[in-house]
Amino acid sequence: MKILILSLFCLLSCLTWAQTKNTSTEVRDYREVDGKIILDLVVNGEVAGFVLDLAGHTAILPEYVERLKIDENIPGEFKYNEFLYKKVPVVKSVLIGTMAFGNNVFGNGVSAFVLGDESYLRELGVAGIVGGAMFRNVVLTIDRRRKKITTSIPYRPSYMKLDYRTDMEVLPGSTVVCPVTINGTVYSLLFDTWNDGMISMTAEDFARIDGTDGGVAFVMNGYGKSVKITKTKTAVVCDFVKDQLGSVVVAENKELPHSVLGSGILEKGIISIDYQKQKIYFQSFDLVEVKDDVVGDVTSSVVPGKLNPITREYFLEHIYDYRKDKEFVFKGDKPVVIDFWATWCGPCMRLIPEMEKMAEKYKDQVLFLKVNADKEKELCSMFNVVALPTLFFIPVGGKPIIETGATPEKYEQIIREQLLKK
């Protein structure tokens, strides 16, 4: 009986583990300029830097509308015509064709504001702002110590402790409001990754705080540079989730429509935001050892004569690294055919057996690869792959010949005449 109970316990543990394992986890570097978190996104096939502002909306500088191949005549689909939680001048809205940060964070038809004259953003060298709405389908984890952004589906990373969480509210625009306890009173603060400080409050909330003079502090208005102020208070006790942060300086900012928790909290620990479950996790950097739950690239071995599945990592290493070279520079010494496909695409599934036959027929002359469009969103965005199947025929030293549709006879002709020059 004891053996049976032990076996059932082990089985239950395994089932529980399986239920809490993420189906997808990506860990990517970010960079900081003047304290701002900058992410490199692929927009309509172009790589551009965007400041992460979880209290803002996706927006671009006017000169990037043309550079990023955005149709200025198609308006965005916002339910509002201005920024909801900060004062930012906008000219209009547009609809971005594709936008991706890795494979987990991807959007077709992304609404974006066109900003007015924002000289500070130009100084930062970015194309614009990426807001929280882009991350609403993932758990977003920010680790400032390692300068890493983790996006996971559907759970937090395993190193984030389950009991180090609290409820949060997601407002329109996918902006997060979380509880922060100051001197025993709970305040609902917007999490604002643009704001460099710890806590900035509206005049009404600031008046409720007890504390001594906190000295000089800096506040942020819109997307301009920080402004020095002297109206501050030092709150003796500040608690966030389970962490006791000690005394903090609270600044008054009369321009704010809502009090905010700034990116200063990222100096204290790691934060995870689960938009779907409306939970926020926070723990100190050293609470547990951080081990990323990333599965390695298991498809890096490519076999001649087969239609080989590949990932973004293989593409960057062996085909073309668009992070380094703006112009397409093919790395290989043998012609390549790449088939972008999906399981739900009928023509794709009919074409695959024909491509497998060609792979065998030309096994010593041409390398045949396939990319799952549902999994490799960044590659699709980079090369504007919308219709499926889409095929790339890449000659040695040349640029891709791009075709769409399931026409194997035409494709074999391209292989003979364009890749093999027969």
Foldseek 3Di string as FASTA:
>chain_A
DVVVVVVVVVVVVVVVVVVADFPDKDKDFWDDDPQFTWAWKQFQQDTFIATEWQQWAAAFEPVCCVVSPFDPVAFADDPDFAIDWADFAFDGKGWTQKMDRFQPQIDGRGIYTHGDDAVVVVVVVGGYHHYQVSQLQWKWKAQVVRNMIMTTPPDDWPVFDPQQKDFWDQDPNRWIWFWKAFPRDTDTATETALWNFFKEFAPVVQVVADFDFPAWDWTDHHNHDTDIDRAKGWTQWMDDRHDTPGIGIYHYDNRTPGIHGYCVVSVAFMWIARNVVRMIGTDGPVPDDDDGPHDDFPQLDFAQLAAGEGAPVNCCVQQAPCVVDVDGFGRDPAKEKEWEAEPVDPQRVVQRVLLSVVSNVCRPGYGHYYYDCSRGVRVCSSNVPDAPGKMWTGAHGGGTDIDHTRDSVVVVVCCVCPRVND
